[in-house]
PDB file of N, CA and C in Angstrom:
ATOM      1  N   MET A   1     -15.304  26.150 -10.010  1.00  0.00           N
ATOM      2  CA  MET A   1     -14.490  24.928 -10.225  1.00  0.00           C
ATOM      3  C   MET A   1     -13.701  24.232  -9.131  1.00  0.00           C
ATOM      4  N   PRO A   2     -13.217  25.232  -8.167  1.00  0.00           N
ATOM      5  CA  PRO A   2     -12.424  24.550  -7.022  1.00  0.00           C
ATOM      6  C   PRO A   2     -13.133  23.557  -6.330  1.00  0.00           C
ATOM      7  N   ILE A   3     -14.475  23.673  -6.092  1.00  0.00           N
ATOM      8  CA  ILE A   3     -15.118  22.677  -5.335  1.00  0.00           C
ATOM      9  C   ILE A   3     -15.125  21.317  -6.119  1.00  0.00           C
ATOM     10  N   LEU A   4     -15.169  21.285  -7.481  1.00  0.00           N
ATOM     11  CA  LEU A   4     -15.041  20.045  -8.242  1.00  0.00           C
ATOM     12  C   LEU A   4     -13.834  19.419  -8.105  1.00  0.00           C
ATOM     13  N   ARG A   5     -12.670  20.395  -8.060  1.00  0.00           N
ATOM     14  CA  ARG A   5     -11.330  19.850  -7.782  1.00  0.00           C
ATOM     15  C   ARG A   5     -11.182  19.279  -6.551  1.00  0.00           C
ATOM     16  N   GLN A   6     -11.699  19.890  -5.559  1.00  0.00           N
ATOM     17  CA  GLN A   6     -11.585  19.115  -4.138  1.00  0.00           C
ATOM     18  C   GLN A   6     -12.405  17.998  -4.204  1.00  0.00           C
ATOM     19  N   TYR A   7     -13.488  17.795  -4.829  1.00  0.00           N
ATOM     20  CA  TYR A   7     -14.194  16.566  -4.972  1.00  0.00           C
ATOM     21  C   TYR A   7     -13.374  15.456  -5.414  1.00  0.00           C
ATOM     22  N   ASP A   8     -12.872  15.898  -6.517  1.00  0.00           N
ATOM     23  CA  ASP A   8     -12.115  14.926  -7.341  1.00  0.00           C
ATOM     24  C   ASP A   8     -10.672  14.453  -6.422  1.00  0.00           C
ATOM     25  N   ALA A   9     -10.211  15.361  -5.648  1.00  0.00           N
ATOM     26  CA  ALA A   9      -9.069  15.005  -4.928  1.00  0.00           C
ATOM     27  C   ALA A   9      -9.484  14.152  -3.831  1.00  0.00           C
ATOM     28  N   VAL A  10     -10.607  14.291  -3.131  1.00  0.00           N
ATOM     29  CA  VAL A  10     -11.129  13.386  -2.054  1.00  0.00           C
ATOM     30  C   VAL A  10     -11.485  12.012  -2.675  1.00  0.00           C
ATOM     31  N   ASN A  11     -12.062  11.946  -3.762  1.00  0.00           N
ATOM     32  CA  ASN A  11     -12.277  10.567  -4.431  1.00  0.00           C
ATOM     33  C   ASN A  11     -11.053   9.920  -4.866  1.00  0.00           C
ATOM     34  N   TYR A  12     -10.091  10.793  -5.352  1.00  0.00           N
ATOM     35  CA  TYR A  12      -8.740  10.074  -5.636  1.00  0.00           C
ATOM     36  C   TYR A  12      -8.139   9.395  -4.316  1.00  0.00           C
ATOM     37  N   HIS A  13      -8.188  10.302  -3.244  1.00  0.00           N
ATOM     38  CA  HIS A  13      -7.637   9.871  -1.862  1.00  0.00           C
ATOM     39  C   HIS A  13      -8.198   8.437  -1.342  1.00  0.00           C
ATOM     40  N   ARG A  14      -9.758   8.545  -1.491  1.00  0.00           N
ATOM     41  CA  ARG A  14     -10.334   7.362  -1.171  1.00  0.00           C
ATOM     42  C   ARG A  14      -9.952   6.148  -1.910  1.00  0.00           C
ATOM     43  N   GLN A  15     -10.060   6.413  -3.130  1.00  0.00           N
ATOM     44  CA  GLN A  15      -9.684   5.268  -4.177  1.00  0.00           C
ATOM     45  C   GLN A  15      -8.292   4.738  -3.757  1.00  0.00           C
ATOM     46  N   HIS A  16      -7.196   5.582  -3.607  1.00  0.00           N
ATOM     47  CA  HIS A  16      -6.006   5.233  -3.290  1.00  0.00           C
ATOM     48  C   HIS A  16      -5.886   4.377  -1.975  1.00  0.00           C
ATOM     49  N   GLU A  17      -6.660   4.908  -0.889  1.00  0.00           N
ATOM     50  CA  GLU A  17      -6.695   4.101   0.415  1.00  0.00           C
ATOM     51  C   GLU A  17      -7.260   2.767   0.242  1.00  0.00           C
ATOM     52  N   THR A  18      -8.345   2.652  -0.685  1.00  0.00           N
ATOM     53  CA  THR A  18      -9.039   1.253  -0.871  1.00  0.00           C
ATOM     54  C   THR A  18      -8.032   0.366  -1.465  1.00  0.00           C
ATOM     55  N   ASP A  19      -7.252   0.861  -2.468  1.00  0.00           N
ATOM     56  CA  ASP A  19      -6.206   0.060  -3.296  1.00  0.00           C
ATOM     57  C   ASP A  19      -5.224  -0.524  -2.402  1.00  0.00           C
ATOM     58  N   LEU A  20      -4.797   0.448  -1.518  1.00  0.00           N
ATOM     59  CA  LEU A  20      -3.624  -0.004  -0.621  1.00  0.00           C
ATOM     60  C   LEU A  20      -4.111  -0.985   0.414  1.00  0.00           C
ATOM     61  N   ARG A  21      -5.343  -0.857   0.960  1.00  0.00           N
ATOM     62  CA  ARG A  21      -5.984  -1.737   1.802  1.00  0.00           C
ATOM     63  C   ARG A  21      -6.231  -3.348   1.180  1.00  0.00           C
ATOM     64  N   VAL A  22      -6.607  -3.264   0.006  1.00  0.00           N
ATOM     65  CA  VAL A  22      -6.794  -4.470  -0.863  1.00  0.00           C
ATOM     66  C   VAL A  22      -5.381  -5.116  -1.253  1.00  0.00           C
ATOM     67  N   LEU A  23      -4.402  -4.331  -1.488  1.00  0.00           N
ATOM     68  CA  LEU A  23      -3.065  -4.765  -1.655  1.00  0.00           C
ATOM     69  C   LEU A  23      -2.463  -5.494  -0.343  1.00  0.00           C
ATOM     70  N   GLN A  24      -2.700  -4.807   0.724  1.00  0.00           N
ATOM     71  CA  GLN A  24      -2.280  -5.203   2.169  1.00  0.00           C
ATOM     72  C   GLN A  24      -2.928  -6.638   2.299  1.00  0.00           C
ATOM     73  N   ASP A  25      -4.390  -6.771   2.097  1.00  0.00           N
ATOM     74  CA  ASP A  25      -5.044  -7.890   2.315  1.00  0.00           C
ATOM     75  C   ASP A  25      -4.452  -9.091   1.461  1.00  0.00           C
ATOM     76  N   LEU A  26      -4.175  -8.599   0.179  1.00  0.00           N
ATOM     77  CA  LEU A  26      -3.550  -9.856  -0.857  1.00  0.00           C
ATOM     78  C   LEU A  26      -2.284 -10.199  -0.213  1.00  0.00           C
ATOM     79  N   HIS A  27      -1.480  -9.282   0.360  1.00  0.00           N
ATOM     80  CA  HIS A  27      -0.126  -9.583   1.064  1.00  0.00           C
ATOM     81  C   HIS A  27      -0.273 -10.542   2.083  1.00  0.00           C
ATOM     82  N   ASN A  28      -1.277 -10.269   2.888  1.00  0.00           N
ATOM     83  CA  ASN A  28      -1.580 -11.087   3.997  1.00  0.00           C
ATOM     84  C   ASN A  28      -1.975 -12.522   3.682  1.00  0.00           C
ATOM     85  N   LEU A  29      -2.707 -12.575   2.860  1.00  0.00           N
ATOM     86  CA  LEU A  29      -3.152 -13.848   2.072  1.00  0.00           C
ATOM     87  C   LEU A  29      -1.979 -14.645   1.584  1.00  0.00           C
ATOM     88  N   LEU A  30      -1.194 -14.025   0.728  1.00  0.00           N
ATOM     89  CA  LEU A  30      -0.037 -14.684   0.229  1.00  0.00           C
ATOM     90  C   LEU A  30       1.115 -15.334   1.346  1.00  0.00           C
ATOM     91  N   ASN A  31       1.032 -14.463   2.508  1.00  0.00           N
ATOM     92  CA  ASN A  31       2.015 -14.882   3.455  1.00  0.00           C
ATOM     93  C   ASN A  31       1.355 -15.784   4.534  1.00  0.00           C
ATOM     94  N   SER A  32       0.209 -16.204   4.452  1.00  0.00           N
ATOM     95  CA  SER A  32      -0.668 -16.977   5.384  1.00  0.00           C
ATOM     96  C   SER A  32      -0.353 -18.468   5.137  1.00  0.00           C
ATOM     97  N   LYS A  33       0.051 -19.217   6.036  1.00  0.00           N
ATOM     98  CA  LYS A  33       0.022 -20.629   6.061  1.00  0.00           C
ATOM     99  C   LYS A  33      -1.404 -21.229   6.556  1.00  0.00           C
ATOM    100  N   ARG A  34      -1.913 -22.071   5.759  1.00  0.00           N
ATOM    101  CA  ARG A  34      -3.157 -22.686   6.325  1.00  0.00           C
ATOM    102  C   ARG A  34      -2.833 -23.330   7.461  1.00  0.00           C
ATOM    103  N   ASP A  35      -4.011 -23.455   8.372  1.00  0.00           N
ATOM    104  CA  ASP A  35      -3.817 -23.966   9.776  1.00  0.00           C
ATOM    105  C   ASP A  35      -3.111 -23.167  10.688  1.00  0.00           C
ATOM    106  N   TYR A  36      -2.240 -22.257  10.321  1.00  0.00           N
ATOM    107  CA  TYR A  36      -1.498 -21.416  11.429  1.00  0.00           C
ATOM    108  C   TYR A  36      -1.732 -20.179  11.447  1.00  0.00           C
ATOM    109  N   SER A  37      -2.255 -19.481  10.346  1.00  0.00           N
ATOM    110  CA  SER A  37      -2.378 -17.885  10.397  1.00  0.00           C
ATOM    111  C   SER A  37      -3.764 -17.434  10.677  1.00  0.00           C
ATOM    112  N   SER A  38      -4.685 -18.346  10.765  1.00  0.00           N
ATOM    113  CA  SER A  38      -6.035 -17.952  10.874  1.00  0.00           C
ATOM    114  C   SER A  38      -6.996 -18.778  11.551  1.00  0.00           C
ATOM    115  N   PHE A  39      -7.960 -18.492  12.329  1.00  0.00           N
ATOM    116  CA  PHE A  39      -9.051 -19.456  12.642  1.00  0.00           C
ATOM    117  C   PHE A  39      -9.902 -19.966  11.657  1.00  0.00           C
ATOM    118  N   ILE A  40      -9.831 -19.351  10.492  1.00  0.00           N
ATOM    119  CA  ILE A  40     -10.525 -19.711   9.358  1.00  0.00           C
ATOM    120  C   ILE A  40      -9.756 -21.015   8.652  1.00  0.00           C
ATOM    121  N   LYS A  41     -10.322 -22.110   8.618  1.00  0.00           N
ATOM    122  CA  LYS A  41      -9.463 -23.462   8.333  1.00  0.00           C
ATOM    123  C   LYS A  41      -8.962 -23.188   6.798  1.00  0.00           C
ATOM    124  N   GLU A  42      -9.801 -22.710   5.922  1.00  0.00           N
ATOM    125  CA  GLU A  42      -9.428 -22.785   4.514  1.00  0.00           C
ATOM    126  C   GLU A  42      -8.711 -21.671   4.134  1.00  0.00           C
ATOM    127  N   PHE A  43      -8.227 -20.683   5.161  1.00  0.00           N
ATOM    128  CA  PHE A  43      -7.775 -19.427   4.673  1.00  0.00           C
ATOM    129  C   PHE A  43      -6.169 -19.792   4.691  1.00  0.00           C
ATOM    130  N   GLY A  44      -5.511 -19.189   3.640  1.00  0.00           N
ATOM    131  CA  GLY A  44      -4.065 -19.312   3.440  1.00  0.00           C
ATOM    132  C   GLY A  44      -3.514 -20.487   2.515  1.00  0.00           C
ATOM    133  N   VAL A  45      -2.298 -20.535   2.306  1.00  0.00           N
ATOM    134  CA  VAL A  45      -1.718 -21.643   1.296  1.00  0.00           C
ATOM    135  C   VAL A  45      -0.998 -22.408   2.292  1.00  0.00           C
ATOM    136  N   ASP A  46      -1.323 -23.724   1.632  1.00  0.00           N
ATOM    137  CA  ASP A  46      -0.816 -25.015   2.431  1.00  0.00           C
ATOM    138  C   ASP A  46       0.875 -25.067   2.268  1.00  0.00           C
ATOM    139  N   ASP A  47       1.236 -25.608   3.552  1.00  0.00           N
ATOM    140  CA  ASP A  47       2.701 -25.614   3.678  1.00  0.00           C
ATOM    141  C   ASP A  47       3.179 -26.678   2.766  1.00  0.00           C
ATOM    142  N   VAL A  48       4.034 -26.297   1.775  1.00  0.00           N
ATOM    143  CA  VAL A  48       4.530 -27.214   0.677  1.00  0.00           C
ATOM    144  C   VAL A  48       6.065 -27.544   0.838  1.00  0.00           C
ATOM    145  N   SER A  49       6.519 -27.242   2.040  1.00  0.00           N
ATOM    146  CA  SER A  49       7.964 -27.382   2.252  1.00  0.00           C
ATOM    147  C   SER A  49       8.472 -28.881   2.177  1.00  0.00           C
ATOM    148  N   SER A  50       7.414 -29.819   2.343  1.00  0.00           N
ATOM    149  CA  SER A  50       7.835 -31.309   2.401  1.00  0.00           C
ATOM    150  C   SER A  50       7.820 -31.853   0.923  1.00  0.00           C
ATOM    151  N   TYR A  51       7.293 -31.015  -0.020  1.00  0.00           N
ATOM    152  CA  TYR A  51       7.176 -31.672  -1.449  1.00  0.00           C
ATOM    153  C   TYR A  51       8.611 -31.277  -2.012  1.00  0.00           C
ATOM    154  N   SER A  52       8.871 -32.074  -3.130  1.00  0.00           N
ATOM    155  CA  SER A  52      10.167 -31.813  -3.750  1.00  0.00           C
ATOM    156  C   SER A  52      10.004 -31.714  -5.205  1.00  0.00           C
ATOM    157  N   ASN A  53       8.802 -31.941  -5.830  1.00  0.00           N
ATOM    158  CA  ASN A  53       8.548 -31.832  -7.268  1.00  0.00           C
ATOM    159  C   ASN A  53       8.138 -30.412  -7.509  1.00  0.00           C
ATOM    160  N   ARG A  54       8.896 -29.647  -8.190  1.00  0.00           N
ATOM    161  CA  ARG A  54       8.703 -28.164  -8.442  1.00  0.00           C
ATOM    162  C   ARG A  54       7.299 -27.924  -9.131  1.00  0.00           C
ATOM    163  N   GLU A  55       7.041 -28.820 -10.263  1.00  0.00           N
ATOM    164  CA  GLU A  55       5.848 -28.658 -10.877  1.00  0.00           C
ATOM    165  C   GLU A  55       4.577 -28.860 -10.041  1.00  0.00           C
ATOM    166  N   TYR A  56       4.706 -29.802  -9.118  1.00  0.00           N
ATOM    167  CA  TYR A  56       3.536 -30.141  -8.344  1.00  0.00           C
ATOM    168  C   TYR A  56       3.273 -28.891  -7.379  1.00  0.00           C
ATOM    169  N   ILE A  57       4.561 -28.410  -6.718  1.00  0.00           N
ATOM    170  CA  ILE A  57       4.351 -27.296  -5.691  1.00  0.00           C
ATOM    171  C   ILE A  57       3.909 -26.058  -6.504  1.00  0.00           C
ATOM    172  N   SER A  58       4.262 -25.812  -7.661  1.00  0.00           N
ATOM    173  CA  SER A  58       3.774 -24.723  -8.475  1.00  0.00           C
ATOM    174  C   SER A  58       2.104 -24.777  -8.680  1.00  0.00           C
ATOM    175  N   LYS A  59       1.919 -26.027  -9.178  1.00  0.00           N
ATOM    176  CA  LYS A  59       0.408 -26.240  -9.410  1.00  0.00           C
ATOM    177  C   LYS A  59      -0.539 -26.002  -8.056  1.00  0.00           C
ATOM    178  N   VAL A  60       0.053 -26.764  -7.141  1.00  0.00           N
ATOM    179  CA  VAL A  60      -0.629 -26.730  -5.677  1.00  0.00           C
ATOM    180  C   VAL A  60      -0.743 -25.213  -5.370  1.00  0.00           C
ATOM    181  N   VAL A  61       0.413 -24.582  -5.355  1.00  0.00           N
ATOM    182  CA  VAL A  61       0.222 -23.012  -4.703  1.00  0.00           C
ATOM    183  C   VAL A  61      -0.633 -22.217  -5.710  1.00  0.00           C
ATOM    184  N   ILE A  62      -0.588 -22.275  -7.075  1.00  0.00           N
ATOM    185  CA  ILE A  62      -1.384 -21.511  -7.903  1.00  0.00           C
ATOM    186  C   ILE A  62      -2.901 -21.749  -7.637  1.00  0.00           C
ATOM    187  N   GLU A  63      -3.142 -23.081  -7.628  1.00  0.00           N
ATOM    188  CA  GLU A  63      -4.652 -23.447  -7.278  1.00  0.00           C
ATOM    189  C   GLU A  63      -5.197 -22.777  -5.935  1.00  0.00           C
ATOM    190  N   GLU A  64      -4.194 -22.903  -4.963  1.00  0.00           N
ATOM    191  CA  GLU A  64      -4.600 -22.490  -3.585  1.00  0.00           C
ATOM    192  C   GLU A  64      -4.851 -20.941  -3.530  1.00  0.00           C
ATOM    193  N   ILE A  65      -3.836 -20.214  -4.109  1.00  0.00           N
ATOM    194  CA  ILE A  65      -3.933 -18.848  -4.171  1.00  0.00           C
ATOM    195  C   ILE A  65      -5.184 -18.295  -4.938  1.00  0.00           C
ATOM    196  N   ALA A  66      -5.517 -18.792  -6.060  1.00  0.00           N
ATOM    197  CA  ALA A  66      -6.728 -18.588  -6.819  1.00  0.00           C
ATOM    198  C   ALA A  66      -7.960 -18.823  -5.960  1.00  0.00           C
ATOM    199  N   ARG A  67      -8.095 -20.088  -5.277  1.00  0.00           N
ATOM    200  CA  ARG A  67      -9.120 -20.388  -4.618  1.00  0.00           C
ATOM    201  C   ARG A  67      -9.345 -19.370  -3.417  1.00  0.00           C
ATOM    202  N   ASN A  68      -8.181 -18.971  -2.703  1.00  0.00           N
ATOM    203  CA  ASN A  68      -8.295 -18.132  -1.707  1.00  0.00           C
ATOM    204  C   ASN A  68      -8.706 -16.761  -2.075  1.00  0.00           C
ATOM    205  N   ILE A  69      -8.232 -16.228  -3.091  1.00  0.00           N
ATOM    206  CA  ILE A  69      -8.658 -14.863  -3.752  1.00  0.00           C
ATOM    207  C   ILE A  69     -10.220 -14.856  -4.036  1.00  0.00           C
ATOM    208  N   GLU A  70     -10.671 -15.985  -4.718  1.00  0.00           N
ATOM    209  CA  GLU A  70     -11.978 -15.947  -5.104  1.00  0.00           C
ATOM    210  C   GLU A  70     -12.892 -16.195  -3.881  1.00  0.00           C
ATOM    211  N   GLN A  71     -12.423 -16.770  -2.778  1.00  0.00           N
ATOM    212  CA  GLN A  71     -13.247 -17.120  -1.709  1.00  0.00           C
ATOM    213  C   GLN A  71     -13.315 -15.960  -0.417  1.00  0.00           C
ATOM    214  N   PHE A  72     -12.084 -15.345  -0.424  1.00  0.00           N
ATOM    215  CA  PHE A  72     -11.803 -14.373   0.714  1.00  0.00           C
ATOM    216  C   PHE A  72     -11.626 -12.887   0.296  1.00  0.00           C
ATOM    217  N   MET A  73     -11.559 -12.755  -1.039  1.00  0.00           N
ATOM    218  CA  MET A  73     -11.244 -11.345  -1.403  1.00  0.00           C
ATOM    219  C   MET A  73     -12.321 -11.040  -2.613  1.00  0.00           C
ATOM    220  N   PRO A  74     -13.616 -10.692  -2.093  1.00  0.00           N
ATOM    221  CA  PRO A  74     -14.664 -10.395  -3.126  1.00  0.00           C
ATOM    222  C   PRO A  74     -14.470  -9.094  -4.000  1.00  0.00           C
ATOM    223  N   THR A  75     -13.640  -8.326  -3.564  1.00  0.00           N
ATOM    224  CA  THR A  75     -13.293  -6.977  -4.066  1.00  0.00           C
ATOM    225  C   THR A  75     -12.394  -7.140  -5.154  1.00  0.00           C
ATOM    226  N   VAL A  76     -11.720  -8.253  -5.422  1.00  0.00           N
ATOM    227  CA  VAL A  76     -10.627  -8.503  -6.286  1.00  0.00           C
ATOM    228  C   VAL A  76     -11.127  -9.406  -7.467  1.00  0.00           C
ATOM    229  N   GLU A  77     -10.973  -9.040  -8.576  1.00  0.00           N
ATOM    230  CA  GLU A  77     -11.341  -9.891  -9.809  1.00  0.00           C
ATOM    231  C   GLU A  77      -9.963 -10.538 -10.374  1.00  0.00           C
ATOM    232  N   LEU A  78      -9.893 -11.721 -10.245  1.00  0.00           N
ATOM    233  CA  LEU A  78      -8.712 -12.384 -10.573  1.00  0.00           C
ATOM    234  C   LEU A  78      -8.771 -12.720 -12.171  1.00  0.00           C
ATOM    235  N   ILE A  79      -7.681 -12.167 -12.815  1.00  0.00           N
ATOM    236  CA  ILE A  79      -7.565 -12.222 -14.343  1.00  0.00           C
ATOM    237  C   ILE A  79      -6.668 -13.523 -14.785  1.00  0.00           C
ATOM    238  N   GLU A  80      -5.557 -13.542 -14.177  1.00  0.00           N
ATOM    239  CA  GLU A  80      -4.841 -14.567 -14.441  1.00  0.00           C
ATOM    240  C   GLU A  80      -3.679 -14.808 -13.368  1.00  0.00           C
ATOM    241  N   ILE A  81      -3.367 -16.066 -13.193  1.00  0.00           N
ATOM    242  CA  ILE A  81      -2.253 -16.369 -12.323  1.00  0.00           C
ATOM    243  C   ILE A  81      -1.543 -17.598 -12.961  1.00  0.00           C
ATOM    244  N   PHE A  82      -0.154 -17.524 -12.885  1.00  0.00           N
ATOM    245  CA  PHE A  82       0.564 -18.370 -13.417  1.00  0.00           C
ATOM    246  C   PHE A  82       2.195 -18.429 -12.959  1.00  0.00           C
ATOM    247  N   GLU A  83       2.862 -19.317 -13.188  1.00  0.00           N
ATOM    248  CA  GLU A  83       4.447 -19.303 -12.718  1.00  0.00           C
ATOM    249  C   GLU A  83       5.090 -18.587 -13.634  1.00  0.00           C
ATOM    250  N   LYS A  84       5.835 -17.757 -13.154  1.00  0.00           N
ATOM    251  CA  LYS A  84       6.756 -16.753 -13.904  1.00  0.00           C
ATOM    252  C   LYS A  84       7.983 -17.703 -14.034  1.00  0.00           C
ATOM    253  N   GLN A  85       8.548 -17.929 -15.142  1.00  0.00           N
ATOM    254  CA  GLN A  85       9.825 -18.390 -15.266  1.00  0.00           C
ATOM    255  C   GLN A  85      11.042 -17.471 -14.923  1.00  0.00           C
ATOM    256  N   GLY A  86      11.900 -17.993 -14.075  1.00  0.00           N
ATOM    257  CA  GLY A  86      13.011 -17.262 -13.724  1.00  0.00           C
ATOM    258  C   GLY A  86      14.153 -17.979 -13.976  1.00  0.00           C
ATOM    259  N   ASN A  87      15.499 -17.443 -13.517  1.00  0.00           N
ATOM    260  CA  ASN A  87      16.652 -18.049 -13.571  1.00  0.00           C
ATOM    261  C   ASN A  87      16.991 -19.162 -12.643  1.00  0.00           C
ATOM    262  N   ALA A  88      16.595 -18.746 -11.449  1.00  0.00           N
ATOM    263  CA  ALA A  88      16.927 -19.623 -10.243  1.00  0.00           C
ATOM    264  C   ALA A  88      16.112 -20.997 -10.238  1.00  0.00           C
ATOM    265  N   ILE A  89      16.519 -22.006 -10.221  1.00  0.00           N
ATOM    266  CA  ILE A  89      15.965 -23.466 -10.257  1.00  0.00           C
ATOM    267  C   ILE A  89      15.186 -23.526  -8.834  1.00  0.00           C
ATOM    268  N   ASP A  90      15.739 -22.987  -7.810  1.00  0.00           N
ATOM    269  CA  ASP A  90      15.202 -23.358  -6.441  1.00  0.00           C
ATOM    270  C   ASP A  90      14.065 -22.431  -6.098  1.00  0.00           C
ATOM    271  N   ARG A  91      13.696 -21.483  -6.919  1.00  0.00           N
ATOM    272  CA  ARG A  91      12.713 -20.469  -6.544  1.00  0.00           C
ATOM    273  C   ARG A  91      11.440 -20.532  -7.508  1.00  0.00           C
ATOM    274  N   ILE A  92      10.242 -20.432  -6.930  1.00  0.00           N
ATOM    275  CA  ILE A  92       9.105 -20.437  -7.652  1.00  0.00           C
ATOM    276  C   ILE A  92       8.494 -18.991  -7.522  1.00  0.00           C
ATOM    277  N   ASN A  93       8.306 -18.410  -8.683  1.00  0.00           N
ATOM    278  CA  ASN A  93       7.696 -17.102  -8.689  1.00  0.00           C
ATOM    279  C   ASN A  93       6.350 -17.196  -9.254  1.00  0.00           C
ATOM    280  N   ILE A  94       5.276 -16.704  -8.628  1.00  0.00           N
ATOM    281  CA  ILE A  94       4.062 -16.702  -9.082  1.00  0.00           C
ATOM    282  C   ILE A  94       3.517 -15.166  -9.520  1.00  0.00           C
ATOM    283  N   GLU A  95       3.069 -15.097 -10.741  1.00  0.00           N
ATOM    284  CA  GLU A  95       2.449 -13.874 -11.014  1.00  0.00           C
ATOM    285  C   GLU A  95       1.037 -13.738 -10.980  1.00  0.00           C
ATOM    286  N   ILE A  96       0.545 -12.863 -10.336  1.00  0.00           N
ATOM    287  CA  ILE A  96      -0.924 -12.721 -10.148  1.00  0.00           C
ATOM    288  C   ILE A  96      -1.315 -11.346 -10.947  1.00  0.00           C
ATOM    289  N   ARG A  97      -2.285 -11.470 -11.828  1.00  0.00           N
ATOM    290  CA  ARG A  97      -2.910 -10.245 -12.532  1.00  0.00           C
ATOM    291  C   ARG A  97      -4.303 -10.308 -12.138  1.00  0.00           C
ATOM    292  N   CYS A  98      -4.629  -9.187 -11.511  1.00  0.00           N
ATOM    293  CA  CYS A  98      -5.852  -8.901 -11.012  1.00  0.00           C
ATOM    294  C   CYS A  98      -6.375  -7.517 -11.161  1.00  0.00           C
ATOM    295  N   ARG A  99      -7.500  -7.250 -10.778  1.00  0.00           N
ATOM    296  CA  ARG A  99      -8.213  -5.942 -10.861  1.00  0.00           C
ATOM    297  C   ARG A  99      -9.171  -5.815  -9.661  1.00  0.00           C
ATOM    298  N   ILE A 100      -9.098  -4.515  -9.135  1.00  0.00           N
ATOM    299  CA  ILE A 100      -9.801  -4.241  -7.825  1.00  0.00           C
ATOM    300  C   ILE A 100     -11.249  -3.914  -8.603  1.00  0.00           C
ATOM    301  N   LEU A 101     -12.373  -4.490  -7.966  1.00  0.00           N
ATOM    302  CA  LEU A 101     -13.634  -4.230  -8.630  1.00  0.00           C
ATOM    303  C   LEU A 101     -13.951  -2.654  -8.671  1.00  0.00           C
ATOM    304  N   GLY A 102     -14.469  -2.255  -9.768  1.00  0.00           N
ATOM    305  CA  GLY A 102     -14.763  -0.814  -9.765  1.00  0.00           C
ATOM    306  C   GLY A 102     -13.701   0.098 -10.352  1.00  0.00           C
ATOM    307  N   SER A 103     -12.581  -0.567 -10.626  1.00  0.00           N
ATOM    308  CA  SER A 103     -11.409  -0.094 -11.269  1.00  0.00           C
ATOM    309  C   SER A 103     -11.053  -0.720 -12.708  1.00  0.00           C
ATOM    310  N   THR A 104     -10.433   0.053 -13.575  1.00  0.00           N
ATOM    311  CA  THR A 104     -10.138  -0.443 -14.868  1.00  0.00           C
ATOM    312  C   THR A 104      -8.675  -0.774 -14.872  1.00  0.00           C
ATOM    313  N   GLN A 105      -7.922  -0.373 -13.772  1.00  0.00           N
ATOM    314  CA  GLN A 105      -6.542  -0.553 -13.821  1.00  0.00           C
ATOM    315  C   GLN A 105      -6.273  -2.107 -13.424  1.00  0.00           C
ATOM    316  N   GLU A 106      -5.341  -2.730 -14.020  1.00  0.00           N
ATOM    317  CA  GLU A 106      -4.861  -3.963 -13.825  1.00  0.00           C
ATOM    318  C   GLU A 106      -3.662  -3.951 -12.829  1.00  0.00           C
ATOM    319  N   ILE A 107      -3.623  -4.719 -11.961  1.00  0.00           N
ATOM    320  CA  ILE A 107      -2.366  -4.955 -10.948  1.00  0.00           C
ATOM    321  C   ILE A 107      -1.623  -6.220 -11.191  1.00  0.00           C
ATOM    322  N   GLN A 108      -0.445  -6.135 -11.268  1.00  0.00           N
ATOM    323  CA  GLN A 108       0.454  -7.302 -11.407  1.00  0.00           C
ATOM    324  C   GLN A 108       1.207  -7.468 -10.182  1.00  0.00           C
ATOM    325  N   VAL A 109       1.024  -8.594  -9.669  1.00  0.00           N
ATOM    326  CA  VAL A 109       2.017  -8.998  -8.290  1.00  0.00           C
ATOM    327  C   VAL A 109       2.725 -10.109  -8.569  1.00  0.00           C
ATOM    328  N   ILE A 110       3.970 -10.054  -8.272  1.00  0.00           N
ATOM    329  CA  ILE A 110       4.932 -11.247  -8.451  1.00  0.00           C
ATOM    330  C   ILE A 110       5.343 -11.424  -7.018  1.00  0.00           C
ATOM    331  N   THR A 111       5.189 -12.751  -6.678  1.00  0.00           N
ATOM    332  CA  THR A 111       5.527 -13.141  -5.330  1.00  0.00           C
ATOM    333  C   THR A 111       6.603 -14.257  -5.469  1.00  0.00           C
ATOM    334  N   ASP A 112       7.677 -14.272  -4.639  1.00  0.00           N
ATOM    335  CA  ASP A 112       8.638 -15.336  -4.452  1.00  0.00           C
ATOM    336  C   ASP A 112       8.283 -16.106  -3.314  1.00  0.00           C
ATOM    337  N   MET A 113       8.016 -17.412  -3.608  1.00  0.00           N
ATOM    338  CA  MET A 113       7.375 -18.324  -2.547  1.00  0.00           C
ATOM    339  C   MET A 113       8.542 -18.670  -1.678  1.00  0.00           C
ATOM    340  N   ARG A 114       9.674 -18.689  -2.064  1.00  0.00           N
ATOM    341  CA  ARG A 114      10.811 -18.896  -1.071  1.00  0.00           C
ATOM    342  C   ARG A 114      11.053 -17.946   0.006  1.00  0.00           C
ATOM    343  N   THR A 115      11.119 -16.909  -0.537  1.00  0.00           N
ATOM    344  CA  THR A 115      11.470 -15.693   0.456  1.00  0.00           C
ATOM    345  C   THR A 115      10.292 -14.834   0.927  1.00  0.00           C
ATOM    346  N   HIS A 116       9.056 -15.284   0.405  1.00  0.00           N
ATOM    347  CA  HIS A 116       7.932 -14.522   0.595  1.00  0.00           C
ATOM    348  C   HIS A 116       7.877 -12.985   0.475  1.00  0.00           C
ATOM    349  N   SER A 117       8.779 -12.741  -0.457  1.00  0.00           N
ATOM    350  CA  SER A 117       8.684 -11.227  -1.027  1.00  0.00           C
ATOM    351  C   SER A 117       7.870 -11.102  -2.106  1.00  0.00           C
ATOM    352  N   TRP A 118       7.426  -9.942  -2.300  1.00  0.00           N
ATOM    353  CA  TRP A 118       6.406  -9.657  -3.325  1.00  0.00           C
ATOM    354  C   TRP A 118       6.735  -8.130  -3.871  1.00  0.00           C
ATOM    355  N   GLU A 119       6.379  -8.035  -5.210  1.00  0.00           N
ATOM    356  CA  GLU A 119       6.479  -6.822  -5.980  1.00  0.00           C
ATOM    357  C   GLU A 119       5.135  -6.556  -6.659  1.00  0.00           C
ATOM    358  N   VAL A 120       4.824  -5.353  -6.657  1.00  0.00           N
ATOM    359  CA  VAL A 120       3.585  -4.805  -7.265  1.00  0.00           C
ATOM    360  C   VAL A 120       3.959  -4.068  -8.539  1.00  0.00           C
ATOM    361  N   GLN A 121       3.435  -4.436  -9.578  1.00  0.00           N
ATOM    362  CA  GLN A 121       3.726  -3.613 -10.878  1.00  0.00           C
ATOM    363  C   GLN A 121       2.603  -2.930 -11.474  1.00  0.00           C
TER     364      GLN A 121
END
């Protein structure tokens, strides 16, 4: 049985490394500004700093994040993406619920679009 335990440990380590790489890719995507961060023209989120309508900004950012995940992250299944209501008027928090393909575990990422911080739950 020790061989089976070693095999399980190796598989767990490989899966954990894959999850971390996918999360890092997602972080890079969320922090990329379109036309500035990559030579790929469609990659990243458009700069919305010139807009003042909160609802419009939220709608545009959600659409662009969803499009980018579907287009550039084939190993991620997007389950749901929405604006998470918070107390601060000047902040837009986006919650992304997704799953890494081949996994049954759901990942929740909450990102603050003003500070570019994010939290994985």
